[in-house]
Amino acid sequence: MSVADSIPARQALQAYAAAAHAKPGTREAKARTAAQGFESVFLQNMLEGMMTGLEGDGPLGAGQAGGGAWRGFLTDEMARSMTKTTTLGIAPQVYREMLRLQEGQPQASRPQGAGA
């Protein structure tokens, strides 16, 4: 069984999807926006890591004036766009945890010896 098939992951994804229709300013809408932002930052860091070693010509080349800054803008926009159109599964889990912590629910128990 994959993680996506587990009940908590499925519930998190359903709750996250339902929060897209929440009224602006509500707890659910704010938590969804924050979770999307978290996933976007994660993706941005991944994309920056992928582009670190790229050299070459063109407007984003290392030898061009401002190439590094424009490359940063590009990775930021790519990450935001990817987060809006799909999810890696990070945002729904972050969303679920944020709501769980706000409600004061205890953390799900882990087996002895599980990593922290």
PDB file of N, CA and C in Angstrom:
ATOM      1  N   MET A   1       0.847  -1.171   0.000  1.00  0.00           N
ATOM      2  CA  MET A   1       0.000   0.000   0.000  1.00  0.00           C
ATOM      3  C   MET A   1       0.896   1.239   0.000  1.00  0.00           C
ATOM      4  N   SER A   2       0.620   2.192  -0.871  1.00  0.00           N
ATOM      5  CA  SER A   2       1.406   3.411  -0.931  1.00  0.00           C
ATOM      6  C   SER A   2       0.861   4.429   0.069  1.00  0.00           C
ATOM      7  N   VAL A   3       1.672   5.467   0.316  1.00  0.00           N
ATOM      8  CA  VAL A   3       1.261   6.517   1.244  1.00  0.00           C
ATOM      9  C   VAL A   3      -0.002   7.209   0.738  1.00  0.00           C
ATOM     10  N   ALA A   4      -0.113   7.382  -0.581  1.00  0.00           N
ATOM     11  CA  ALA A   4      -1.288   8.047  -1.154  1.00  0.00           C
ATOM     12  C   ALA A   4      -2.564   7.261  -0.904  1.00  0.00           C
ATOM     13  N   ASP A   5      -2.444   5.935  -0.688  1.00  0.00           N
ATOM     14  CA  ASP A   5      -3.613   5.109  -0.452  1.00  0.00           C
ATOM     15  C   ASP A   5      -4.016   5.044   1.015  1.00  0.00           C
ATOM     16  N   SER A   6      -3.173   5.564   1.905  1.00  0.00           N
ATOM     17  CA  SER A   6      -3.515   5.507   3.326  1.00  0.00           C
ATOM     18  C   SER A   6      -4.652   6.470   3.622  1.00  0.00           C
ATOM     19  N   ILE A   7      -5.430   6.137   4.609  1.00  0.00           N
ATOM     20  CA  ILE A   7      -6.602   6.943   4.935  1.00  0.00           C
ATOM     21  C   ILE A   7      -6.239   8.369   5.335  1.00  0.00           C
ATOM     22  N   PRO A   8      -5.247   8.603   6.219  1.00  0.00           N
ATOM     23  CA  PRO A   8      -4.933   9.985   6.575  1.00  0.00           C
ATOM     24  C   PRO A   8      -4.512  10.835   5.383  1.00  0.00           C
ATOM     25  N   ALA A   9      -3.714  10.284   4.471  1.00  0.00           N
ATOM     26  CA  ALA A   9      -3.284  11.043   3.300  1.00  0.00           C
ATOM     27  C   ALA A   9      -4.476  11.370   2.405  1.00  0.00           C
ATOM     28  N   ARG A  10      -5.365  10.407   2.229  1.00  0.00           N
ATOM     29  CA  ARG A  10      -6.546  10.639   1.397  1.00  0.00           C
ATOM     30  C   ARG A  10      -7.447  11.699   2.032  1.00  0.00           C
ATOM     31  N   GLN A  11      -7.633  11.622   3.337  1.00  0.00           N
ATOM     32  CA  GLN A  11      -8.460  12.606   4.034  1.00  0.00           C
ATOM     33  C   GLN A  11      -7.836  13.992   3.949  1.00  0.00           C
ATOM     34  N   ALA A  12      -6.514  14.062   4.068  1.00  0.00           N
ATOM     35  CA  ALA A  12      -5.829  15.346   3.972  1.00  0.00           C
ATOM     36  C   ALA A  12      -6.023  15.956   2.592  1.00  0.00           C
ATOM     37  N   LEU A  13      -5.916  15.125   1.563  1.00  0.00           N
ATOM     38  CA  LEU A  13      -6.089  15.615   0.196  1.00  0.00           C
ATOM     39  C   LEU A  13      -7.518  16.090  -0.049  1.00  0.00           C
ATOM     40  N   GLN A  14      -8.498  15.362   0.476  1.00  0.00           N
ATOM     41  CA  GLN A  14      -9.899  15.761   0.321  1.00  0.00           C
ATOM     42  C   GLN A  14     -10.187  17.057   1.067  1.00  0.00           C
ATOM     43  N   ALA A  15      -9.668  17.190   2.277  1.00  0.00           N
ATOM     44  CA  ALA A  15      -9.886  18.410   3.057  1.00  0.00           C
ATOM     45  C   ALA A  15      -9.201  19.598   2.397  1.00  0.00           C
ATOM     46  N   TYR A  16      -8.006  19.379   1.870  1.00  0.00           N
ATOM     47  CA  TYR A  16      -7.267  20.433   1.182  1.00  0.00           C
ATOM     48  C   TYR A  16      -8.019  20.890  -0.062  1.00  0.00           C
ATOM     49  N   ALA A  17      -8.552  19.943  -0.818  1.00  0.00           N
ATOM     50  CA  ALA A  17      -9.319  20.283  -2.022  1.00  0.00           C
ATOM     51  C   ALA A  17     -10.596  21.038  -1.663  1.00  0.00           C
ATOM     52  N   ALA A  18     -11.260  20.619  -0.601  1.00  0.00           N
ATOM     53  CA  ALA A  18     -12.490  21.295  -0.177  1.00  0.00           C
ATOM     54  C   ALA A  18     -12.205  22.717   0.299  1.00  0.00           C
ATOM     55  N   ALA A  19     -11.020  22.945   0.858  1.00  0.00           N
ATOM     56  CA  ALA A  19     -10.669  24.277   1.361  1.00  0.00           C
ATOM     57  C   ALA A  19     -10.499  25.288   0.233  1.00  0.00           C
ATOM     58  N   ALA A  20     -10.370  24.822  -0.994  1.00  0.00           N
ATOM     59  CA  ALA A  20     -10.266  25.738  -2.134  1.00  0.00           C
ATOM     60  C   ALA A  20     -11.547  26.555  -2.295  1.00  0.00           C
ATOM     61  N   HIS A  21     -12.656  26.031  -1.777  1.00  0.00           N
ATOM     62  CA  HIS A  21     -13.945  26.711  -1.901  1.00  0.00           C
ATOM     63  C   HIS A  21     -14.361  27.405  -0.601  1.00  0.00           C
ATOM     64  N   ALA A  22     -13.458  27.450   0.369  1.00  0.00           N
ATOM     65  CA  ALA A  22     -13.768  28.105   1.643  1.00  0.00           C
ATOM     66  C   ALA A  22     -13.823  29.614   1.449  1.00  0.00           C
ATOM     67  N   LYS A  23     -14.620  30.267   2.273  1.00  0.00           N
ATOM     68  CA  LYS A  23     -14.716  31.723   2.210  1.00  0.00           C
ATOM     69  C   LYS A  23     -13.365  32.342   2.544  1.00  0.00           C
ATOM     70  N   PRO A  24     -12.961  33.380   1.808  1.00  0.00           N
ATOM     71  CA  PRO A  24     -11.696  34.053   2.120  1.00  0.00           C
ATOM     72  C   PRO A  24     -11.714  34.577   3.557  1.00  0.00           C
ATOM     73  N   GLY A  25     -10.583  34.435   4.213  1.00  0.00           N
ATOM     74  CA  GLY A  25     -10.464  34.919   5.588  1.00  0.00           C
ATOM     75  C   GLY A  25     -10.787  33.875   6.642  1.00  0.00           C
ATOM     76  N   THR A  26     -11.371  32.755   6.236  1.00  0.00           N
ATOM     77  CA  THR A  26     -11.676  31.712   7.209  1.00  0.00           C
ATOM     78  C   THR A  26     -10.398  30.959   7.559  1.00  0.00           C
ATOM     79  N   ARG A  27     -10.469  30.224   8.638  1.00  0.00           N
ATOM     80  CA  ARG A  27      -9.324  29.440   9.098  1.00  0.00           C
ATOM     81  C   ARG A  27      -8.857  28.477   8.021  1.00  0.00           C
ATOM     82  N   GLU A  28      -9.798  27.838   7.352  1.00  0.00           N
ATOM     83  CA  GLU A  28      -9.456  26.863   6.314  1.00  0.00           C
ATOM     84  C   GLU A  28      -8.767  27.527   5.123  1.00  0.00           C
ATOM     85  N   ALA A  29      -9.284  28.684   4.701  1.00  0.00           N
ATOM     86  CA  ALA A  29      -8.694  29.393   3.564  1.00  0.00           C
ATOM     87  C   ALA A  29      -7.287  29.870   3.892  1.00  0.00           C
ATOM     88  N   LYS A  30      -7.096  30.385   5.103  1.00  0.00           N
ATOM     89  CA  LYS A  30      -5.774  30.854   5.507  1.00  0.00           C
ATOM     90  C   LYS A  30      -4.786  29.700   5.611  1.00  0.00           C
ATOM     91  N   ALA A  31      -5.231  28.580   6.163  1.00  0.00           N
ATOM     92  CA  ALA A  31      -4.356  27.416   6.298  1.00  0.00           C
ATOM     93  C   ALA A  31      -3.983  26.869   4.930  1.00  0.00           C
ATOM     94  N   ARG A  32      -4.928  26.865   3.985  1.00  0.00           N
ATOM     95  CA  ARG A  32      -4.642  26.371   2.634  1.00  0.00           C
ATOM     96  C   ARG A  32      -3.623  27.273   1.950  1.00  0.00           C
ATOM     97  N   THR A  33      -3.766  28.575   2.104  1.00  0.00           N
ATOM     98  CA  THR A  33      -2.816  29.510   1.504  1.00  0.00           C
ATOM     99  C   THR A  33      -1.426  29.313   2.089  1.00  0.00           C
ATOM    100  N   ALA A  34      -1.347  29.144   3.395  1.00  0.00           N
ATOM    101  CA  ALA A  34      -0.050  28.924   4.044  1.00  0.00           C
ATOM    102  C   ALA A  34       0.575  27.606   3.600  1.00  0.00           C
ATOM    103  N   ALA A  35      -0.242  26.561   3.477  1.00  0.00           N
ATOM    104  CA  ALA A  35       0.265  25.257   3.042  1.00  0.00           C
ATOM    105  C   ALA A  35       0.769  25.327   1.605  1.00  0.00           C
ATOM    106  N   GLN A  36       0.042  26.052   0.757  1.00  0.00           N
ATOM    107  CA  GLN A  36       0.485  26.234  -0.630  1.00  0.00           C
ATOM    108  C   GLN A  36       1.806  26.991  -0.658  1.00  0.00           C
ATOM    109  N   GLY A  37       1.927  28.005   0.175  1.00  0.00           N
ATOM    110  CA  GLY A  37       3.166  28.772   0.245  1.00  0.00           C
ATOM    111  C   GLY A  37       4.338  27.911   0.669  1.00  0.00           C
ATOM    112  N   PHE A  38       4.113  27.030   1.638  1.00  0.00           N
ATOM    113  CA  PHE A  38       5.164  26.125   2.100  1.00  0.00           C
ATOM    114  C   PHE A  38       5.620  25.214   0.970  1.00  0.00           C
ATOM    115  N   GLU A  39       4.654  24.629   0.262  1.00  0.00           N
ATOM    116  CA  GLU A  39       5.006  23.740  -0.850  1.00  0.00           C
ATOM    117  C   GLU A  39       5.727  24.514  -1.948  1.00  0.00           C
ATOM    118  N   SER A  40       5.328  25.749  -2.186  1.00  0.00           N
ATOM    119  CA  SER A  40       5.954  26.575  -3.209  1.00  0.00           C
ATOM    120  C   SER A  40       7.421  26.856  -2.860  1.00  0.00           C
ATOM    121  N   VAL A  41       7.695  27.166  -1.593  1.00  0.00           N
ATOM    122  CA  VAL A  41       9.076  27.405  -1.162  1.00  0.00           C
ATOM    123  C   VAL A  41       9.907  26.133  -1.310  1.00  0.00           C
ATOM    124  N   PHE A  42       9.322  24.997  -0.957  1.00  0.00           N
ATOM    125  CA  PHE A  42      10.015  23.726  -1.123  1.00  0.00           C
ATOM    126  C   PHE A  42      10.368  23.495  -2.590  1.00  0.00           C
ATOM    127  N   LEU A  43       9.408  23.692  -3.476  1.00  0.00           N
ATOM    128  CA  LEU A  43       9.653  23.513  -4.910  1.00  0.00           C
ATOM    129  C   LEU A  43      10.698  24.497  -5.426  1.00  0.00           C
ATOM    130  N   GLN A  44      10.634  25.729  -4.955  1.00  0.00           N
ATOM    131  CA  GLN A  44      11.594  26.740  -5.385  1.00  0.00           C
ATOM    132  C   GLN A  44      13.013  26.299  -5.021  1.00  0.00           C
ATOM    133  N   ASN A  45      13.196  25.794  -3.807  1.00  0.00           N
ATOM    134  CA  ASN A  45      14.517  25.309  -3.399  1.00  0.00           C
ATOM    135  C   ASN A  45      14.973  24.137  -4.258  1.00  0.00           C
ATOM    136  N   MET A  46      14.059  23.259  -4.598  1.00  0.00           N
ATOM    137  CA  MET A  46      14.398  22.123  -5.467  1.00  0.00           C
ATOM    138  C   MET A  46      14.816  22.617  -6.857  1.00  0.00           C
ATOM    139  N   LEU A  47      14.048  23.543  -7.412  1.00  0.00           N
ATOM    140  CA  LEU A  47      14.357  24.055  -8.749  1.00  0.00           C
ATOM    141  C   LEU A  47      15.674  24.827  -8.765  1.00  0.00           C
ATOM    142  N   GLU A  48      15.937  25.604  -7.708  1.00  0.00           N
ATOM    143  CA  GLU A  48      17.200  26.332  -7.643  1.00  0.00           C
ATOM    144  C   GLU A  48      18.374  25.360  -7.615  1.00  0.00           C
ATOM    145  N   GLY A  49      18.208  24.278  -6.867  1.00  0.00           N
ATOM    146  CA  GLY A  49      19.256  23.264  -6.822  1.00  0.00           C
ATOM    147  C   GLY A  49      19.510  22.638  -8.185  1.00  0.00           C
ATOM    148  N   MET A  50      18.464  22.455  -8.943  1.00  0.00           N
ATOM    149  CA  MET A  50      18.611  21.877 -10.284  1.00  0.00           C
ATOM    150  C   MET A  50      19.326  22.827 -11.232  1.00  0.00           C
ATOM    151  N   MET A  51      19.131  24.121 -11.054  1.00  0.00           N
ATOM    152  CA  MET A  51      19.693  25.098 -11.985  1.00  0.00           C
ATOM    153  C   MET A  51      21.054  25.636 -11.549  1.00  0.00           C
ATOM    154  N   THR A  52      21.530  25.215 -10.404  1.00  0.00           N
ATOM    155  CA  THR A  52      22.778  25.748  -9.871  1.00  0.00           C
ATOM    156  C   THR A  52      23.949  25.571 -10.829  1.00  0.00           C
ATOM    157  N   GLY A  53      24.106  24.414 -11.382  1.00  0.00           N
ATOM    158  CA  GLY A  53      25.259  24.129 -12.234  1.00  0.00           C
ATOM    159  C   GLY A  53      25.100  24.530 -13.681  1.00  0.00           C
ATOM    160  N   LEU A  54      23.974  25.105 -14.039  1.00  0.00           N
ATOM    161  CA  LEU A  54      23.748  25.459 -15.445  1.00  0.00           C
ATOM    162  C   LEU A  54      24.538  26.706 -15.819  1.00  0.00           C
ATOM    163  N   GLU A  55      25.270  26.591 -16.848  1.00  0.00           N
ATOM    164  CA  GLU A  55      26.013  27.714 -17.416  1.00  0.00           C
ATOM    165  C   GLU A  55      25.564  27.854 -18.853  1.00  0.00           C
ATOM    166  N   GLY A  56      25.895  28.928 -19.476  1.00  0.00           N
ATOM    167  CA  GLY A  56      25.595  29.015 -20.887  1.00  0.00           C
ATOM    168  C   GLY A  56      25.184  30.397 -21.326  1.00  0.00           C
ATOM    169  N   ASP A  57      24.806  30.451 -22.592  1.00  0.00           N
ATOM    170  CA  ASP A  57      24.407  31.708 -23.201  1.00  0.00           C
ATOM    171  C   ASP A  57      22.927  31.941 -22.971  1.00  0.00           C
ATOM    172  N   GLY A  58      22.463  33.054 -23.448  1.00  0.00           N
ATOM    173  CA  GLY A  58      21.049  33.372 -23.347  1.00  0.00           C
ATOM    174  C   GLY A  58      20.781  34.345 -22.210  1.00  0.00           C
ATOM    175  N   PRO A  59      19.545  34.739 -22.085  1.00  0.00           N
ATOM    176  CA  PRO A  59      19.205  35.770 -21.093  1.00  0.00           C
ATOM    177  C   PRO A  59      19.407  35.324 -19.644  1.00  0.00           C
ATOM    178  N   LEU A  60      19.427  34.015 -19.381  1.00  0.00           N
ATOM    179  CA  LEU A  60      19.608  33.537 -18.012  1.00  0.00           C
ATOM    180  C   LEU A  60      20.993  32.951 -17.799  1.00  0.00           C
ATOM    181  N   GLY A  61      21.887  33.168 -18.737  1.00  0.00           N
ATOM    182  CA  GLY A  61      23.237  32.631 -18.626  1.00  0.00           C
ATOM    183  C   GLY A  61      24.028  33.323 -17.531  1.00  0.00           C
ATOM    184  N   ALA A  62      25.014  32.624 -17.018  1.00  0.00           N
ATOM    185  CA  ALA A  62      25.800  33.141 -15.907  1.00  0.00           C
ATOM    186  C   ALA A  62      26.616  34.369 -16.309  1.00  0.00           C
ATOM    187  N   GLY A  63      26.999  34.459 -17.573  1.00  0.00           N
ATOM    188  CA  GLY A  63      27.813  35.581 -18.019  1.00  0.00           C
ATOM    189  C   GLY A  63      27.004  36.833 -18.322  1.00  0.00           C
ATOM    190  N   GLN A  64      25.703  36.732 -18.332  1.00  0.00           N
ATOM    191  CA  GLN A  64      24.847  37.865 -18.673  1.00  0.00           C
ATOM    192  C   GLN A  64      24.561  38.719 -17.438  1.00  0.00           C
ATOM    193  N   ALA A  65      24.432  40.018 -17.658  1.00  0.00           N
ATOM    194  CA  ALA A  65      24.123  40.927 -16.548  1.00  0.00           C
ATOM    195  C   ALA A  65      22.744  40.588 -15.968  1.00  0.00           C
ATOM    196  N   GLY A  66      22.702  40.321 -14.694  1.00  0.00           N
ATOM    197  CA  GLY A  66      21.429  40.031 -14.029  1.00  0.00           C
ATOM    198  C   GLY A  66      20.907  38.632 -14.261  1.00  0.00           C
ATOM    199  N   GLY A  67      21.689  37.774 -14.896  1.00  0.00           N
ATOM    200  CA  GLY A  67      21.228  36.416 -15.198  1.00  0.00           C
ATOM    201  C   GLY A  67      20.830  35.644 -13.955  1.00  0.00           C
ATOM    202  N   GLY A  68      21.619  35.779 -12.900  1.00  0.00           N
ATOM    203  CA  GLY A  68      21.309  35.075 -11.655  1.00  0.00           C
ATOM    204  C   GLY A  68      20.007  35.538 -11.034  1.00  0.00           C
ATOM    205  N   ALA A  69      19.782  36.846 -11.060  1.00  0.00           N
ATOM    206  CA  ALA A  69      18.541  37.387 -10.488  1.00  0.00           C
ATOM    207  C   ALA A  69      17.331  36.928 -11.293  1.00  0.00           C
ATOM    208  N   TRP A  70      17.446  36.988 -12.609  1.00  0.00           N
ATOM    209  CA  TRP A  70      16.320  36.553 -13.437  1.00  0.00           C
ATOM    210  C   TRP A  70      16.054  35.067 -13.286  1.00  0.00           C
ATOM    211  N   ARG A  71      17.110  34.297 -13.114  1.00  0.00           N
ATOM    212  CA  ARG A  71      16.940  32.856 -12.893  1.00  0.00           C
ATOM    213  C   ARG A  71      16.180  32.626 -11.586  1.00  0.00           C
ATOM    214  N   GLY A  72      16.474  33.426 -10.561  1.00  0.00           N
ATOM    215  CA  GLY A  72      15.749  33.337  -9.291  1.00  0.00           C
ATOM    216  C   GLY A  72      14.276  33.660  -9.461  1.00  0.00           C
ATOM    217  N   PHE A  73      13.977  34.699 -10.226  1.00  0.00           N
ATOM    218  CA  PHE A  73      12.581  35.054 -10.500  1.00  0.00           C
ATOM    219  C   PHE A  73      11.872  33.928 -11.237  1.00  0.00           C
ATOM    220  N   LEU A  74      12.594  33.327 -12.194  1.00  0.00           N
ATOM    221  CA  LEU A  74      12.018  32.240 -12.977  1.00  0.00           C
ATOM    222  C   LEU A  74      11.682  31.037 -12.085  1.00  0.00           C
ATOM    223  N   THR A  75      12.613  30.640 -11.231  1.00  0.00           N
ATOM    224  CA  THR A  75      12.347  29.489 -10.361  1.00  0.00           C
ATOM    225  C   THR A  75      11.216  29.776  -9.394  1.00  0.00           C
ATOM    226  N   ASP A  76      11.144  31.010  -8.905  1.00  0.00           N
ATOM    227  CA  ASP A  76      10.053  31.384  -7.998  1.00  0.00           C
ATOM    228  C   ASP A  76       8.704  31.271  -8.703  1.00  0.00           C
ATOM    229  N   GLU A  77       8.612  31.797  -9.896  1.00  0.00           N
ATOM    230  CA  GLU A  77       7.347  31.752 -10.640  1.00  0.00           C
ATOM    231  C   GLU A  77       6.986  30.332 -11.057  1.00  0.00           C
ATOM    232  N   MET A  78       7.988  29.545 -11.442  1.00  0.00           N
ATOM    233  CA  MET A  78       7.724  28.153 -11.797  1.00  0.00           C
ATOM    234  C   MET A  78       7.166  27.389 -10.590  1.00  0.00           C
ATOM    235  N   ALA A  79       7.755  27.623  -9.421  1.00  0.00           N
ATOM    236  CA  ALA A  79       7.298  26.933  -8.205  1.00  0.00           C
ATOM    237  C   ALA A  79       5.870  27.335  -7.861  1.00  0.00           C
ATOM    238  N   ARG A  80       5.563  28.618  -7.943  1.00  0.00           N
ATOM    239  CA  ARG A  80       4.189  29.066  -7.650  1.00  0.00           C
ATOM    240  C   ARG A  80       3.192  28.488  -8.638  1.00  0.00           C
ATOM    241  N   SER A  81       3.566  28.479  -9.906  1.00  0.00           N
ATOM    242  CA  SER A  81       2.679  27.940 -10.936  1.00  0.00           C
ATOM    243  C   SER A  81       2.443  26.448 -10.731  1.00  0.00           C
ATOM    244  N   MET A  82       3.492  25.706 -10.398  1.00  0.00           N
ATOM    245  CA  MET A  82       3.350  24.278 -10.170  1.00  0.00           C
ATOM    246  C   MET A  82       2.462  24.003  -8.957  1.00  0.00           C
ATOM    247  N   THR A  83       2.592  24.816  -7.927  1.00  0.00           N
ATOM    248  CA  THR A  83       1.795  24.620  -6.711  1.00  0.00           C
ATOM    249  C   THR A  83       0.322  24.912  -6.969  1.00  0.00           C
ATOM    250  N   LYS A  84       0.037  25.891  -7.824  1.00  0.00           N
ATOM    251  CA  LYS A  84      -1.361  26.229  -8.116  1.00  0.00           C
ATOM    252  C   LYS A  84      -2.040  25.174  -8.978  1.00  0.00           C
ATOM    253  N   THR A  85      -1.291  24.545  -9.882  1.00  0.00           N
ATOM    254  CA  THR A  85      -1.918  23.613 -10.815  1.00  0.00           C
ATOM    255  C   THR A  85      -1.946  22.176 -10.311  1.00  0.00           C
ATOM    256  N   THR A  86      -1.035  21.820  -9.448  1.00  0.00           N
ATOM    257  CA  THR A  86      -0.984  20.453  -8.919  1.00  0.00           C
ATOM    258  C   THR A  86      -0.324  20.487  -7.551  1.00  0.00           C
ATOM    259  N   THR A  87      -0.298  19.386  -6.879  1.00  0.00           N
ATOM    260  CA  THR A  87       0.373  19.325  -5.585  1.00  0.00           C
ATOM    261  C   THR A  87       1.246  18.085  -5.515  1.00  0.00           C
ATOM    262  N   LEU A  88       2.356  18.209  -4.827  1.00  0.00           N
ATOM    263  CA  LEU A  88       3.241  17.071  -4.601  1.00  0.00           C
ATOM    264  C   LEU A  88       2.737  16.206  -3.454  1.00  0.00           C
ATOM    265  N   GLY A  89       1.784  16.710  -2.721  1.00  0.00           N
ATOM    266  CA  GLY A  89       1.291  16.005  -1.547  1.00  0.00           C
ATOM    267  C   GLY A  89       1.785  16.636  -0.265  1.00  0.00           C
ATOM    268  N   ILE A  90       2.656  17.626  -0.390  1.00  0.00           N
ATOM    269  CA  ILE A  90       3.171  18.311   0.791  1.00  0.00           C
ATOM    270  C   ILE A  90       2.107  19.255   1.350  1.00  0.00           C
ATOM    271  N   ALA A  91       1.496  20.057   0.496  1.00  0.00           N
ATOM    272  CA  ALA A  91       0.515  21.052   0.951  1.00  0.00           C
ATOM    273  C   ALA A  91      -0.663  20.424   1.692  1.00  0.00           C
ATOM    274  N   PRO A  92      -1.265  19.341   1.208  1.00  0.00           N
ATOM    275  CA  PRO A  92      -2.379  18.758   1.958  1.00  0.00           C
ATOM    276  C   PRO A  92      -1.970  18.269   3.349  1.00  0.00           C
ATOM    277  N   GLN A  93      -0.770  17.702   3.464  1.00  0.00           N
ATOM    278  CA  GLN A  93      -0.312  17.223   4.766  1.00  0.00           C
ATOM    279  C   GLN A  93      -0.023  18.388   5.713  1.00  0.00           C
ATOM    280  N   VAL A  94       0.586  19.451   5.185  1.00  0.00           N
ATOM    281  CA  VAL A  94       0.848  20.639   5.999  1.00  0.00           C
ATOM    282  C   VAL A  94      -0.477  21.259   6.433  1.00  0.00           C
ATOM    283  N   TYR A  95      -1.429  21.319   5.516  1.00  0.00           N
ATOM    284  CA  TYR A  95      -2.761  21.855   5.823  1.00  0.00           C
ATOM    285  C   TYR A  95      -3.410  21.080   6.960  1.00  0.00           C
ATOM    286  N   ARG A  96      -3.373  19.762   6.855  1.00  0.00           N
ATOM    287  CA  ARG A  96      -3.977  18.904   7.879  1.00  0.00           C
ATOM    288  C   ARG A  96      -3.302  19.115   9.236  1.00  0.00           C
ATOM    289  N   GLU A  97      -1.980  19.184   9.245  1.00  0.00           N
ATOM    290  CA  GLU A  97      -1.252  19.366  10.495  1.00  0.00           C
ATOM    291  C   GLU A  97      -1.526  20.735  11.115  1.00  0.00           C
ATOM    292  N   MET A  98      -1.628  21.766  10.290  1.00  0.00           N
ATOM    293  CA  MET A  98      -1.923  23.103  10.804  1.00  0.00           C
ATOM    294  C   MET A  98      -3.283  23.122  11.497  1.00  0.00           C
ATOM    295  N   LEU A  99      -4.278  22.526  10.867  1.00  0.00           N
ATOM    296  CA  LEU A  99      -5.610  22.498  11.475  1.00  0.00           C
ATOM    297  C   LEU A  99      -5.621  21.635  12.732  1.00  0.00           C
ATOM    298  N   ARG A 100      -4.896  20.529  12.690  1.00  0.00           N
ATOM    299  CA  ARG A 100      -4.832  19.651  13.858  1.00  0.00           C
ATOM    300  C   ARG A 100      -4.217  20.388  15.046  1.00  0.00           C
ATOM    301  N   LEU A 101      -3.148  21.127  14.799  1.00  0.00           N
ATOM    302  CA  LEU A 101      -2.499  21.869  15.878  1.00  0.00           C
ATOM    303  C   LEU A 101      -3.386  22.996  16.398  1.00  0.00           C
ATOM    304  N   GLN A 102      -4.132  23.642  15.524  1.00  0.00           N
ATOM    305  CA  GLN A 102      -5.044  24.707  15.951  1.00  0.00           C
ATOM    306  C   GLN A 102      -6.169  24.162  16.812  1.00  0.00           C
ATOM    307  N   GLU A 103      -6.594  22.946  16.520  1.00  0.00           N
ATOM    308  CA  GLU A 103      -7.672  22.339  17.282  1.00  0.00           C
ATOM    309  C   GLU A 103      -7.173  21.702  18.572  1.00  0.00           C
ATOM    310  N   GLY A 104      -5.855  21.648  18.748  1.00  0.00           N
ATOM    311  CA  GLY A 104      -5.288  21.088  19.959  1.00  0.00           C
ATOM    312  C   GLY A 104      -5.358  19.581  20.037  1.00  0.00           C
ATOM    313  N   GLN A 105      -5.465  18.910  18.894  1.00  0.00           N
ATOM    314  CA  GLN A 105      -5.514  17.454  18.881  1.00  0.00           C
ATOM    315  C   GLN A 105      -4.121  16.895  19.089  1.00  0.00           C
ATOM    316  N   PRO A 106      -4.016  15.771  19.773  1.00  0.00           N
ATOM    317  CA  PRO A 106      -2.691  15.161  19.964  1.00  0.00           C
ATOM    318  C   PRO A 106      -2.142  14.625  18.651  1.00  0.00           C
ATOM    319  N   GLN A 107      -0.824  14.570  18.584  1.00  0.00           N
ATOM    320  CA  GLN A 107      -0.170  14.037  17.390  1.00  0.00           C
ATOM    321  C   GLN A 107      -0.441  12.554  17.296  1.00  0.00           C
ATOM    322  N   ALA A 108      -0.553  12.078  16.055  1.00  0.00           N
ATOM    323  CA  ALA A 108      -0.763  10.655  15.829  1.00  0.00           C
ATOM    324  C   ALA A 108       0.393   9.877  16.453  1.00  0.00           C
ATOM    325  N   SER A 109       0.062   8.785  17.120  1.00  0.00           N
ATOM    326  CA  SER A 109       1.111   8.015  17.796  1.00  0.00           C
ATOM    327  C   SER A 109       2.021   7.346  16.783  1.00  0.00           C
ATOM    328  N   ARG A 110       3.304   7.271  17.144  1.00  0.00           N
ATOM    329  CA  ARG A 110       4.295   6.621  16.299  1.00  0.00           C
ATOM    330  C   ARG A 110       4.767   5.366  17.002  1.00  0.00           C
ATOM    331  N   PRO A 111       5.156   4.369  16.223  1.00  0.00           N
ATOM    332  CA  PRO A 111       5.709   3.168  16.846  1.00  0.00           C
ATOM    333  C   PRO A 111       7.014   3.492  17.575  1.00  0.00           C
ATOM    334  N   GLN A 112       7.346   2.719  18.582  1.00  0.00           N
ATOM    335  CA  GLN A 112       8.592   2.918  19.316  1.00  0.00           C
ATOM    336  C   GLN A 112       9.766   2.820  18.363  1.00  0.00           C
ATOM    337  N   GLY A 113      10.726   3.741  18.510  1.00  0.00           N
ATOM    338  CA  GLY A 113      11.913   3.713  17.675  1.00  0.00           C
ATOM    339  C   GLY A 113      11.761   4.454  16.353  1.00  0.00           C
ATOM    340  N   ALA A 114      10.582   5.031  16.095  1.00  0.00           N
ATOM    341  CA  ALA A 114      10.390   5.782  14.847  1.00  0.00           C
ATOM    342  C   ALA A 114      11.162   7.080  14.940  1.00  0.00           C
ATOM    343  N   GLY A 115      11.682   7.537  13.817  1.00  0.00           N
ATOM    344  CA  GLY A 115      12.449   8.786  13.784  1.00  0.00           C
ATOM    345  C   GLY A 115      11.579   9.981  14.114  1.00  0.00           C
ATOM    346  N   ALA A 116      12.176  10.976  14.711  1.00  0.00           N
ATOM    347  CA  ALA A 116      11.437  12.174  15.109  1.00  0.00           C
ATOM    348  C   ALA A 116      11.411  13.178  13.998  1.00  0.00           C
TER     349      ALA A 116
END
